[in-house]
């Protein structure tokens, strides 16, 4: 009888244990930063999971925003821009830059944001502050891929490491 019970319960316990890993959410944003000398600007593309951003906006602004739905608040665009400006900051050659939000689009369960920085001088140093969603998720990781002056790099920002600098 004991063997029969273990044959029945062991697979259920194992399945429950393994499924806990499958349901664990992965907290990540990905940004691509490219310097385009011909256009005299830096182009930034940022991808964030909709539900994660929605939760961050709701916590910060104390209102449900219903991103990408018919119920989206009219001020959602402004709230998003403010949140992005507060949590992504870029300095070039030790001078803080104005990141201009251009547009957003939806791709599945991800919001994609397009931004730019007008820049006419050669980039010698680039400093990035990225704290997207770290106030909501302690395990949040923000990956930034860079292509500056034909040099490709990738940086990882976490709750404890929100600022990094690269010299070119």
N, C-alpha and C. Protein backbone atom coordinates (compact mmCIF):
# COMPACT_ATOMS: atom_id res chain seq x y z
N UNK A 1 0.82 -1.19 0.00
CA UNK A 1 0.00 0.00 0.00
C UNK A 1 0.87 1.26 0.00
N UNK A 2 1.96 1.26 0.74
CA UNK A 2 2.84 2.40 0.83
C UNK A 2 3.48 2.72 -0.53
N UNK A 3 3.86 1.67 -1.31
CA UNK A 3 4.44 1.87 -2.63
C UNK A 3 3.42 2.45 -3.59
N UNK A 4 2.16 2.03 -3.47
CA UNK A 4 1.11 2.55 -4.34
C UNK A 4 0.89 4.04 -4.08
N UNK A 5 0.90 4.41 -2.81
CA UNK A 5 0.71 5.83 -2.47
C UNK A 5 1.88 6.67 -2.99
N UNK A 6 3.10 6.17 -2.82
CA UNK A 6 4.24 6.94 -3.29
C UNK A 6 4.26 7.05 -4.82
N UNK A 7 3.82 6.01 -5.52
CA UNK A 7 3.74 6.08 -6.99
C UNK A 7 2.70 7.10 -7.44
N UNK A 8 1.68 7.28 -6.63
CA UNK A 8 0.63 8.25 -6.96
C UNK A 8 1.04 9.67 -6.60
N UNK A 9 1.56 9.86 -5.37
CA UNK A 9 1.85 11.20 -4.89
C UNK A 9 3.19 11.76 -5.38
N UNK A 10 4.18 10.92 -5.60
CA UNK A 10 5.48 11.39 -6.03
C UNK A 10 5.41 12.17 -7.35
N UNK A 11 4.76 11.65 -8.37
CA UNK A 11 4.65 12.44 -9.60
C UNK A 11 3.90 13.76 -9.40
N UNK A 12 2.89 13.78 -8.55
CA UNK A 12 2.14 15.01 -8.29
C UNK A 12 3.03 16.03 -7.58
N UNK A 13 3.77 15.56 -6.60
CA UNK A 13 4.69 16.45 -5.88
C UNK A 13 5.77 16.97 -6.83
N UNK A 14 6.33 16.11 -7.63
CA UNK A 14 7.37 16.50 -8.59
C UNK A 14 6.83 17.50 -9.61
N UNK A 15 5.65 17.25 -10.14
CA UNK A 15 5.02 18.15 -11.10
C UNK A 15 4.75 19.51 -10.47
N UNK A 16 4.27 19.54 -9.27
CA UNK A 16 4.01 20.79 -8.56
C UNK A 16 5.30 21.57 -8.34
N UNK A 17 6.35 20.87 -7.93
CA UNK A 17 7.64 21.50 -7.70
C UNK A 17 8.21 22.10 -8.98
N UNK A 18 8.19 21.33 -10.07
CA UNK A 18 8.73 21.81 -11.34
C UNK A 18 7.90 22.93 -11.94
N UNK A 19 6.60 22.87 -11.78
CA UNK A 19 5.75 23.91 -12.35
C UNK A 19 5.93 25.24 -11.64
N UNK A 20 6.37 25.21 -10.40
CA UNK A 20 6.64 26.46 -9.69
C UNK A 20 7.74 27.25 -10.40
N UNK A 21 8.73 26.54 -10.97
CA UNK A 21 9.78 27.21 -11.73
C UNK A 21 9.25 27.76 -13.05
N UNK A 22 8.37 27.03 -13.68
CA UNK A 22 7.82 27.47 -14.96
C UNK A 22 6.95 28.71 -14.80
N UNK A 23 6.31 28.89 -13.67
CA UNK A 23 5.44 30.03 -13.44
C UNK A 23 6.16 31.23 -12.84
N UNK A 24 7.40 31.06 -12.50
CA UNK A 24 8.12 32.18 -11.93
C UNK A 24 8.37 33.22 -13.01
N UNK A 25 7.99 34.45 -12.76
CA UNK A 25 8.12 35.51 -13.74
C UNK A 25 9.55 35.99 -13.82
N UNK A 26 9.94 36.35 -15.02
CA UNK A 26 11.26 36.86 -15.30
C UNK A 26 11.15 38.37 -15.42
N UNK A 27 11.84 39.13 -14.60
CA UNK A 27 11.73 40.58 -14.56
C UNK A 27 12.90 41.21 -15.31
N UNK A 28 12.62 41.70 -16.52
CA UNK A 28 13.69 42.23 -17.35
C UNK A 28 13.15 43.30 -18.30
N UNK A 29 13.98 44.27 -18.59
CA UNK A 29 13.74 45.21 -19.69
C UNK A 29 14.99 45.16 -20.56
N UNK A 30 14.82 45.49 -21.83
CA UNK A 30 15.95 45.49 -22.75
C UNK A 30 15.94 46.80 -23.53
N UNK A 31 17.09 47.45 -23.57
CA UNK A 31 17.22 48.69 -24.33
C UNK A 31 18.37 48.56 -25.33
N UNK A 32 18.20 49.22 -26.45
CA UNK A 32 19.25 49.31 -27.47
C UNK A 32 19.56 50.79 -27.66
N UNK A 33 20.82 51.16 -27.52
CA UNK A 33 21.25 52.55 -27.69
C UNK A 33 22.26 52.59 -28.83
N UNK A 34 21.91 53.33 -29.89
CA UNK A 34 22.77 53.43 -31.07
C UNK A 34 23.10 54.89 -31.36
N UNK A 35 24.38 55.16 -31.61
CA UNK A 35 24.79 56.48 -32.07
C UNK A 35 24.74 56.47 -33.59
N UNK A 36 23.99 57.43 -34.16
CA UNK A 36 23.84 57.53 -35.61
C UNK A 36 24.46 58.87 -36.04
N UNK A 37 25.75 58.85 -36.40
CA UNK A 37 26.44 60.11 -36.71
C UNK A 37 25.79 60.89 -37.86
N UNK A 38 25.29 60.21 -38.87
CA UNK A 38 24.68 60.91 -40.02
C UNK A 38 23.46 61.73 -39.62
N UNK A 39 22.74 61.24 -38.61
CA UNK A 39 21.56 61.96 -38.12
C UNK A 39 21.89 62.85 -36.92
N UNK A 40 23.13 62.81 -36.47
CA UNK A 40 23.59 63.57 -35.30
C UNK A 40 22.69 63.32 -34.10
N UNK A 41 22.49 62.02 -33.81
CA UNK A 41 21.66 61.69 -32.66
C UNK A 41 21.93 60.28 -32.17
N UNK A 42 21.48 60.06 -30.95
CA UNK A 42 21.47 58.73 -30.36
C UNK A 42 20.03 58.25 -30.42
N UNK A 43 19.82 57.04 -30.87
CA UNK A 43 18.48 56.45 -30.93
C UNK A 43 18.38 55.37 -29.87
N UNK A 44 17.28 55.40 -29.12
CA UNK A 44 17.08 54.47 -28.01
C UNK A 44 15.77 53.72 -28.20
N UNK A 45 15.85 52.42 -28.12
CA UNK A 45 14.66 51.57 -28.17
C UNK A 45 14.63 50.78 -26.86
N UNK A 46 13.51 50.88 -26.14
CA UNK A 46 13.38 50.21 -24.85
C UNK A 46 12.15 49.31 -24.87
N UNK A 47 12.33 48.07 -24.41
CA UNK A 47 11.24 47.10 -24.34
C UNK A 47 10.97 46.76 -22.88
N UNK A 48 9.68 46.91 -22.49
CA UNK A 48 9.27 46.65 -21.12
C UNK A 48 7.96 45.86 -21.15
N UNK A 49 7.84 44.86 -20.29
CA UNK A 49 6.58 44.12 -20.20
C UNK A 49 5.47 45.06 -19.73
N UNK A 50 4.35 45.01 -20.41
CA UNK A 50 3.23 45.91 -20.14
C UNK A 50 2.76 45.81 -18.70
N UNK A 51 2.54 44.59 -18.21
CA UNK A 51 2.02 44.43 -16.85
C UNK A 51 2.98 44.96 -15.79
N UNK A 52 4.28 44.82 -16.03
CA UNK A 52 5.26 45.33 -15.08
C UNK A 52 5.25 46.86 -15.05
N UNK A 53 5.22 47.48 -16.22
CA UNK A 53 5.18 48.94 -16.28
C UNK A 53 3.89 49.47 -15.67
N UNK A 54 2.80 48.80 -15.96
CA UNK A 54 1.51 49.19 -15.41
C UNK A 54 1.55 49.19 -13.88
N UNK A 55 2.14 48.15 -13.32
CA UNK A 55 2.24 48.05 -11.86
C UNK A 55 3.10 49.18 -11.29
N UNK A 56 4.20 49.51 -11.97
CA UNK A 56 5.07 50.59 -11.51
C UNK A 56 4.36 51.94 -11.57
N UNK A 57 3.63 52.18 -12.65
CA UNK A 57 2.90 53.44 -12.79
C UNK A 57 1.80 53.55 -11.74
N UNK A 58 1.10 52.46 -11.49
CA UNK A 58 0.03 52.46 -10.49
C UNK A 58 0.59 52.71 -9.09
N UNK A 59 1.74 52.14 -8.79
CA UNK A 59 2.34 52.36 -7.48
C UNK A 59 2.79 53.82 -7.33
N UNK A 60 3.41 54.35 -8.36
CA UNK A 60 3.96 55.70 -8.29
C UNK A 60 2.87 56.77 -8.30
N UNK A 61 1.88 56.61 -9.18
CA UNK A 61 0.87 57.66 -9.38
C UNK A 61 -0.47 57.37 -8.70
N UNK A 62 -0.56 56.23 -8.02
CA UNK A 62 -1.75 55.88 -7.24
C UNK A 62 -3.04 55.85 -8.06
N UNK A 63 -2.94 55.35 -9.30
CA UNK A 63 -4.13 55.18 -10.13
C UNK A 63 -3.90 54.08 -11.16
N UNK A 64 -4.97 53.38 -11.49
CA UNK A 64 -4.90 52.33 -12.50
C UNK A 64 -4.84 52.99 -13.87
N UNK A 65 -3.89 52.56 -14.70
CA UNK A 65 -3.69 53.22 -15.99
C UNK A 65 -4.23 52.41 -17.18
N UNK A 66 -4.41 51.10 -17.01
CA UNK A 66 -4.97 50.22 -18.05
C UNK A 66 -4.23 50.38 -19.38
N UNK A 67 -2.91 50.24 -19.37
CA UNK A 67 -2.11 50.42 -20.57
C UNK A 67 -2.57 49.52 -21.72
N UNK A 68 -2.55 50.07 -22.89
CA UNK A 68 -2.85 49.40 -24.17
C UNK A 68 -4.27 48.84 -24.26
N UNK A 69 -5.15 49.28 -23.40
CA UNK A 69 -6.54 48.82 -23.47
C UNK A 69 -7.44 50.00 -23.83
N UNK A 70 -8.69 49.71 -24.09
CA UNK A 70 -9.66 50.77 -24.39
C UNK A 70 -9.88 51.68 -23.19
N UNK A 71 -9.54 51.17 -22.01
CA UNK A 71 -9.74 51.93 -20.76
C UNK A 71 -8.49 52.73 -20.36
N UNK A 72 -7.47 52.76 -21.22
CA UNK A 72 -6.25 53.48 -20.88
C UNK A 72 -6.57 54.93 -20.55
N UNK A 73 -5.99 55.40 -19.46
CA UNK A 73 -6.21 56.78 -19.03
C UNK A 73 -5.68 57.76 -20.08
N UNK A 74 -6.37 58.88 -20.28
CA UNK A 74 -5.89 59.88 -21.24
C UNK A 74 -4.50 60.41 -20.89
N UNK A 75 -4.17 60.45 -19.61
CA UNK A 75 -2.87 60.97 -19.19
C UNK A 75 -1.78 59.89 -19.13
N UNK A 76 -2.08 58.70 -19.59
CA UNK A 76 -1.11 57.59 -19.51
C UNK A 76 0.20 57.93 -20.22
N UNK A 77 0.11 58.54 -21.37
CA UNK A 77 1.31 58.90 -22.14
C UNK A 77 2.22 59.82 -21.31
N UNK A 78 1.64 60.80 -20.66
CA UNK A 78 2.41 61.73 -19.82
C UNK A 78 3.02 61.00 -18.63
N UNK A 79 2.25 60.11 -18.00
CA UNK A 79 2.76 59.35 -16.86
C UNK A 79 3.93 58.47 -17.28
N UNK A 80 3.82 57.85 -18.45
CA UNK A 80 4.90 57.00 -18.96
C UNK A 80 6.15 57.83 -19.21
N UNK A 81 5.99 58.96 -19.90
CA UNK A 81 7.14 59.83 -20.20
C UNK A 81 7.84 60.27 -18.91
N UNK A 82 7.05 60.68 -17.93
CA UNK A 82 7.63 61.11 -16.65
C UNK A 82 8.37 59.97 -15.97
N UNK A 83 7.78 58.78 -15.99
CA UNK A 83 8.41 57.61 -15.37
C UNK A 83 9.73 57.27 -16.07
N UNK A 84 9.71 57.28 -17.40
CA UNK A 84 10.92 56.97 -18.15
C UNK A 84 12.01 58.02 -17.89
N UNK A 85 11.65 59.30 -17.89
CA UNK A 85 12.63 60.37 -17.64
C UNK A 85 13.25 60.25 -16.25
N UNK A 86 12.46 59.81 -15.30
CA UNK A 86 12.94 59.68 -13.92
C UNK A 86 13.85 58.46 -13.75
N UNK A 87 13.64 57.43 -14.56
CA UNK A 87 14.34 56.16 -14.36
C UNK A 87 15.38 55.83 -15.42
N UNK A 88 15.46 56.63 -16.47
CA UNK A 88 16.53 56.47 -17.46
C UNK A 88 17.15 57.85 -17.68
N UNK A 89 18.42 57.97 -17.31
CA UNK A 89 19.13 59.23 -17.49
C UNK A 89 20.46 58.94 -18.17
N UNK A 90 20.81 59.81 -19.10
CA UNK A 90 22.04 59.62 -19.86
C UNK A 90 22.84 60.91 -19.85
N UNK A 91 24.14 60.78 -19.58
CA UNK A 91 25.07 61.89 -19.67
C UNK A 91 26.10 61.55 -20.74
N UNK A 92 26.40 62.53 -21.57
CA UNK A 92 27.41 62.35 -22.61
C UNK A 92 28.50 63.38 -22.36
N UNK A 93 29.74 62.90 -22.30
CA UNK A 93 30.89 63.77 -22.01
C UNK A 93 30.64 64.58 -20.73
N UNK A 94 30.08 63.89 -19.74
CA UNK A 94 29.79 64.44 -18.40
C UNK A 94 28.69 65.51 -18.39
N UNK A 95 27.91 65.59 -19.47
CA UNK A 95 26.83 66.57 -19.54
C UNK A 95 25.49 65.82 -19.63
N UNK A 96 24.57 66.05 -18.66
CA UNK A 96 23.25 65.40 -18.72
C UNK A 96 22.51 65.74 -20.02
N UNK A 97 21.86 64.74 -20.58
CA UNK A 97 21.18 64.91 -21.87
C UNK A 97 19.67 64.88 -21.70
N UNK A 98 19.00 65.55 -22.62
CA UNK A 98 17.54 65.52 -22.66
C UNK A 98 17.12 64.37 -23.56
N UNK A 99 16.51 63.35 -22.99
CA UNK A 99 16.03 62.21 -23.76
C UNK A 99 14.62 62.55 -24.24
N UNK A 100 14.46 62.61 -25.56
CA UNK A 100 13.17 62.97 -26.15
C UNK A 100 12.39 61.71 -26.53
N UNK A 101 11.25 61.55 -25.91
CA UNK A 101 10.36 60.43 -26.19
C UNK A 101 9.69 60.67 -27.56
N UNK A 102 9.75 59.69 -28.45
CA UNK A 102 9.18 59.84 -29.78
C UNK A 102 7.86 59.11 -29.97
N UNK A 103 7.84 57.83 -29.59
CA UNK A 103 6.64 57.03 -29.85
C UNK A 103 6.69 55.75 -29.04
N UNK A 104 5.56 55.04 -29.08
CA UNK A 104 5.51 53.71 -28.46
C UNK A 104 4.66 52.81 -29.34
N UNK A 105 4.92 51.52 -29.21
CA UNK A 105 4.11 50.53 -29.91
C UNK A 105 4.03 49.26 -29.08
N UNK A 106 3.05 48.45 -29.38
CA UNK A 106 2.83 47.20 -28.65
C UNK A 106 3.28 46.04 -29.52
N UNK A 107 3.98 45.10 -28.89
CA UNK A 107 4.39 43.86 -29.55
C UNK A 107 4.11 42.72 -28.57
N UNK A 108 2.95 42.09 -28.74
CA UNK A 108 2.55 41.04 -27.80
C UNK A 108 2.28 41.64 -26.43
N UNK A 109 3.01 41.16 -25.42
CA UNK A 109 2.83 41.68 -24.06
C UNK A 109 3.94 42.66 -23.66
N UNK A 110 4.57 43.26 -24.69
CA UNK A 110 5.68 44.18 -24.47
C UNK A 110 5.35 45.55 -25.08
N UNK A 111 5.70 46.60 -24.34
CA UNK A 111 5.63 47.96 -24.88
C UNK A 111 7.02 48.34 -25.35
N UNK A 112 7.10 48.89 -26.56
CA UNK A 112 8.37 49.33 -27.11
C UNK A 112 8.34 50.85 -27.18
N UNK A 113 9.37 51.47 -26.61
CA UNK A 113 9.47 52.93 -26.59
C UNK A 113 10.64 53.36 -27.46
N UNK A 114 10.40 54.40 -28.24
CA UNK A 114 11.43 54.97 -29.10
C UNK A 114 11.75 56.38 -28.60
N UNK A 115 13.04 56.65 -28.40
CA UNK A 115 13.50 57.94 -27.92
C UNK A 115 14.75 58.34 -28.67
N UNK A 116 15.13 59.61 -28.51
CA UNK A 116 16.37 60.07 -29.14
C UNK A 116 17.01 61.16 -28.30
N UNK A 117 18.31 61.34 -28.57
CA UNK A 117 19.08 62.43 -27.98
C UNK A 117 19.82 63.10 -29.12
N UNK A 118 19.62 64.39 -29.30
CA UNK A 118 20.37 65.13 -30.31
C UNK A 118 21.79 65.34 -29.80
N UNK A 119 22.77 65.00 -30.64
CA UNK A 119 24.17 65.13 -30.22
C UNK A 119 25.01 65.47 -31.45
N UNK A 120 25.81 66.52 -31.33
CA UNK A 120 26.62 66.93 -32.47
C UNK A 120 28.12 66.72 -32.23
N UNK A 121 28.50 66.47 -30.99
CA UNK A 121 29.92 66.29 -30.66
C UNK A 121 30.27 64.80 -30.58
N UNK A 122 31.57 64.54 -30.69
CA UNK A 122 32.06 63.17 -30.55
C UNK A 122 31.79 62.68 -29.12
N UNK A 123 31.43 61.45 -28.99
CA UNK A 123 31.15 60.87 -27.67
C UNK A 123 32.44 60.27 -27.11
N UNK A 124 32.88 60.84 -25.99
CA UNK A 124 34.08 60.33 -25.31
C UNK A 124 33.71 59.50 -24.09
N UNK A 125 32.64 59.93 -23.39
CA UNK A 125 32.15 59.16 -22.24
C UNK A 125 30.63 59.11 -22.29
N UNK A 126 30.12 58.01 -21.87
CA UNK A 126 28.67 57.81 -21.80
C UNK A 126 28.35 57.24 -20.43
N UNK A 127 27.50 57.95 -19.71
CA UNK A 127 27.09 57.50 -18.38
C UNK A 127 25.59 57.25 -18.42
N UNK A 128 25.18 56.09 -17.93
CA UNK A 128 23.77 55.70 -17.97
C UNK A 128 23.28 55.38 -16.56
N UNK A 129 22.13 55.93 -16.24
CA UNK A 129 21.41 55.57 -15.02
C UNK A 129 20.14 54.87 -15.49
N UNK A 130 19.90 53.65 -15.00
CA UNK A 130 18.71 52.90 -15.39
C UNK A 130 18.18 52.17 -14.15
N UNK A 131 17.04 52.66 -13.66
CA UNK A 131 16.40 52.03 -12.49
C UNK A 131 14.98 51.59 -12.81
N UNK A 132 14.71 51.31 -14.09
CA UNK A 132 13.37 50.87 -14.49
C UNK A 132 12.90 49.69 -13.65
N UNK A 133 11.76 49.83 -13.06
CA UNK A 133 11.05 48.78 -12.32
C UNK A 133 11.78 48.24 -11.10
N UNK A 134 12.93 48.79 -10.74
CA UNK A 134 13.64 48.27 -9.57
C UNK A 134 12.94 48.63 -8.26
N UNK A 135 12.05 49.63 -8.31
CA UNK A 135 11.28 49.97 -7.11
C UNK A 135 10.14 48.98 -6.88
N UNK A 136 9.81 48.24 -7.90
CA UNK A 136 8.72 47.25 -7.83
C UNK A 136 9.27 45.84 -7.61
N UNK A 137 10.32 45.49 -8.35
CA UNK A 137 10.87 44.13 -8.31
C UNK A 137 12.35 44.18 -7.93
N UNK A 138 12.69 43.63 -6.80
CA UNK A 138 14.09 43.64 -6.36
C UNK A 138 14.98 42.81 -7.29
N UNK A 139 14.38 41.83 -7.99
CA UNK A 139 15.15 40.99 -8.90
C UNK A 139 15.15 41.50 -10.35
N UNK A 140 14.63 42.71 -10.56
CA UNK A 140 14.58 43.32 -11.89
C UNK A 140 15.98 43.46 -12.48
N UNK A 141 16.10 43.13 -13.77
CA UNK A 141 17.35 43.32 -14.50
C UNK A 141 17.05 44.15 -15.74
N UNK A 142 17.86 45.15 -15.99
CA UNK A 142 17.71 46.01 -17.15
C UNK A 142 18.97 45.86 -18.00
N UNK A 143 18.79 45.28 -19.17
CA UNK A 143 19.90 45.02 -20.08
C UNK A 143 19.96 46.15 -21.09
N UNK A 144 21.14 46.72 -21.29
CA UNK A 144 21.31 47.80 -22.26
C UNK A 144 22.42 47.39 -23.23
N UNK A 145 22.05 47.31 -24.51
CA UNK A 145 23.02 47.04 -25.57
C UNK A 145 23.39 48.38 -26.20
N UNK A 146 24.68 48.58 -26.41
CA UNK A 146 25.17 49.84 -26.94
C UNK A 146 25.93 49.63 -28.25
N UNK A 147 25.77 50.58 -29.16
CA UNK A 147 26.59 50.64 -30.36
C UNK A 147 26.98 52.11 -30.53
N UNK A 148 28.11 52.47 -29.93
CA UNK A 148 28.58 53.85 -29.91
C UNK A 148 29.97 53.89 -30.54
N UNK A 149 30.17 54.78 -31.51
CA UNK A 149 31.47 54.91 -32.19
C UNK A 149 31.97 53.56 -32.71
N UNK A 150 31.05 52.77 -33.22
CA UNK A 150 31.34 51.43 -33.76
C UNK A 150 31.84 50.45 -32.70
N UNK A 151 31.66 50.77 -31.43
CA UNK A 151 31.99 49.87 -30.33
C UNK A 151 30.70 49.30 -29.76
N UNK A 152 30.63 47.99 -29.70
CA UNK A 152 29.44 47.33 -29.15
C UNK A 152 29.73 46.84 -27.74
N UNK A 153 28.79 47.15 -26.83
CA UNK A 153 28.90 46.73 -25.44
C UNK A 153 27.51 46.34 -24.96
N UNK A 154 27.47 45.60 -23.88
CA UNK A 154 26.22 45.31 -23.19
C UNK A 154 26.43 45.54 -21.71
N UNK A 155 25.45 46.17 -21.09
CA UNK A 155 25.51 46.47 -19.67
C UNK A 155 24.31 45.87 -18.96
N UNK A 156 24.51 45.49 -17.72
CA UNK A 156 23.43 44.95 -16.91
C UNK A 156 23.23 45.86 -15.70
N UNK A 157 22.00 46.35 -15.56
CA UNK A 157 21.63 47.20 -14.43
C UNK A 157 20.70 46.41 -13.53
N UNK A 158 20.94 46.51 -12.24
CA UNK A 158 20.14 45.80 -11.26
C UNK A 158 19.71 46.77 -10.15
N UNK A 159 19.00 46.24 -9.20
CA UNK A 159 18.54 47.03 -8.06
C UNK A 159 19.72 47.68 -7.32
N UNK A 160 20.84 47.00 -7.26
CA UNK A 160 22.01 47.51 -6.54
C UNK A 160 23.05 48.16 -7.45
N UNK A 161 22.84 48.10 -8.76
CA UNK A 161 23.79 48.68 -9.72
C UNK A 161 23.00 49.41 -10.80
N UNK A 162 22.65 50.67 -10.53
CA UNK A 162 21.78 51.44 -11.43
C UNK A 162 22.53 52.45 -12.29
N UNK A 163 23.84 52.58 -12.09
CA UNK A 163 24.59 53.57 -12.85
C UNK A 163 25.91 52.98 -13.34
N UNK A 164 26.21 53.23 -14.63
CA UNK A 164 27.45 52.73 -15.20
C UNK A 164 27.99 53.75 -16.20
N UNK A 165 29.30 53.69 -16.40
CA UNK A 165 29.97 54.65 -17.28
C UNK A 165 30.89 53.90 -18.21
N UNK A 166 30.94 54.36 -19.48
CA UNK A 166 31.85 53.78 -20.47
C UNK A 166 32.66 54.91 -21.09
N UNK A 167 33.96 54.70 -21.20
CA UNK A 167 34.84 55.64 -21.88
C UNK A 167 35.11 55.13 -23.29
N UNK A 168 35.10 56.05 -24.25
CA UNK A 168 35.37 55.67 -25.65
C UNK A 168 36.64 56.33 -26.15
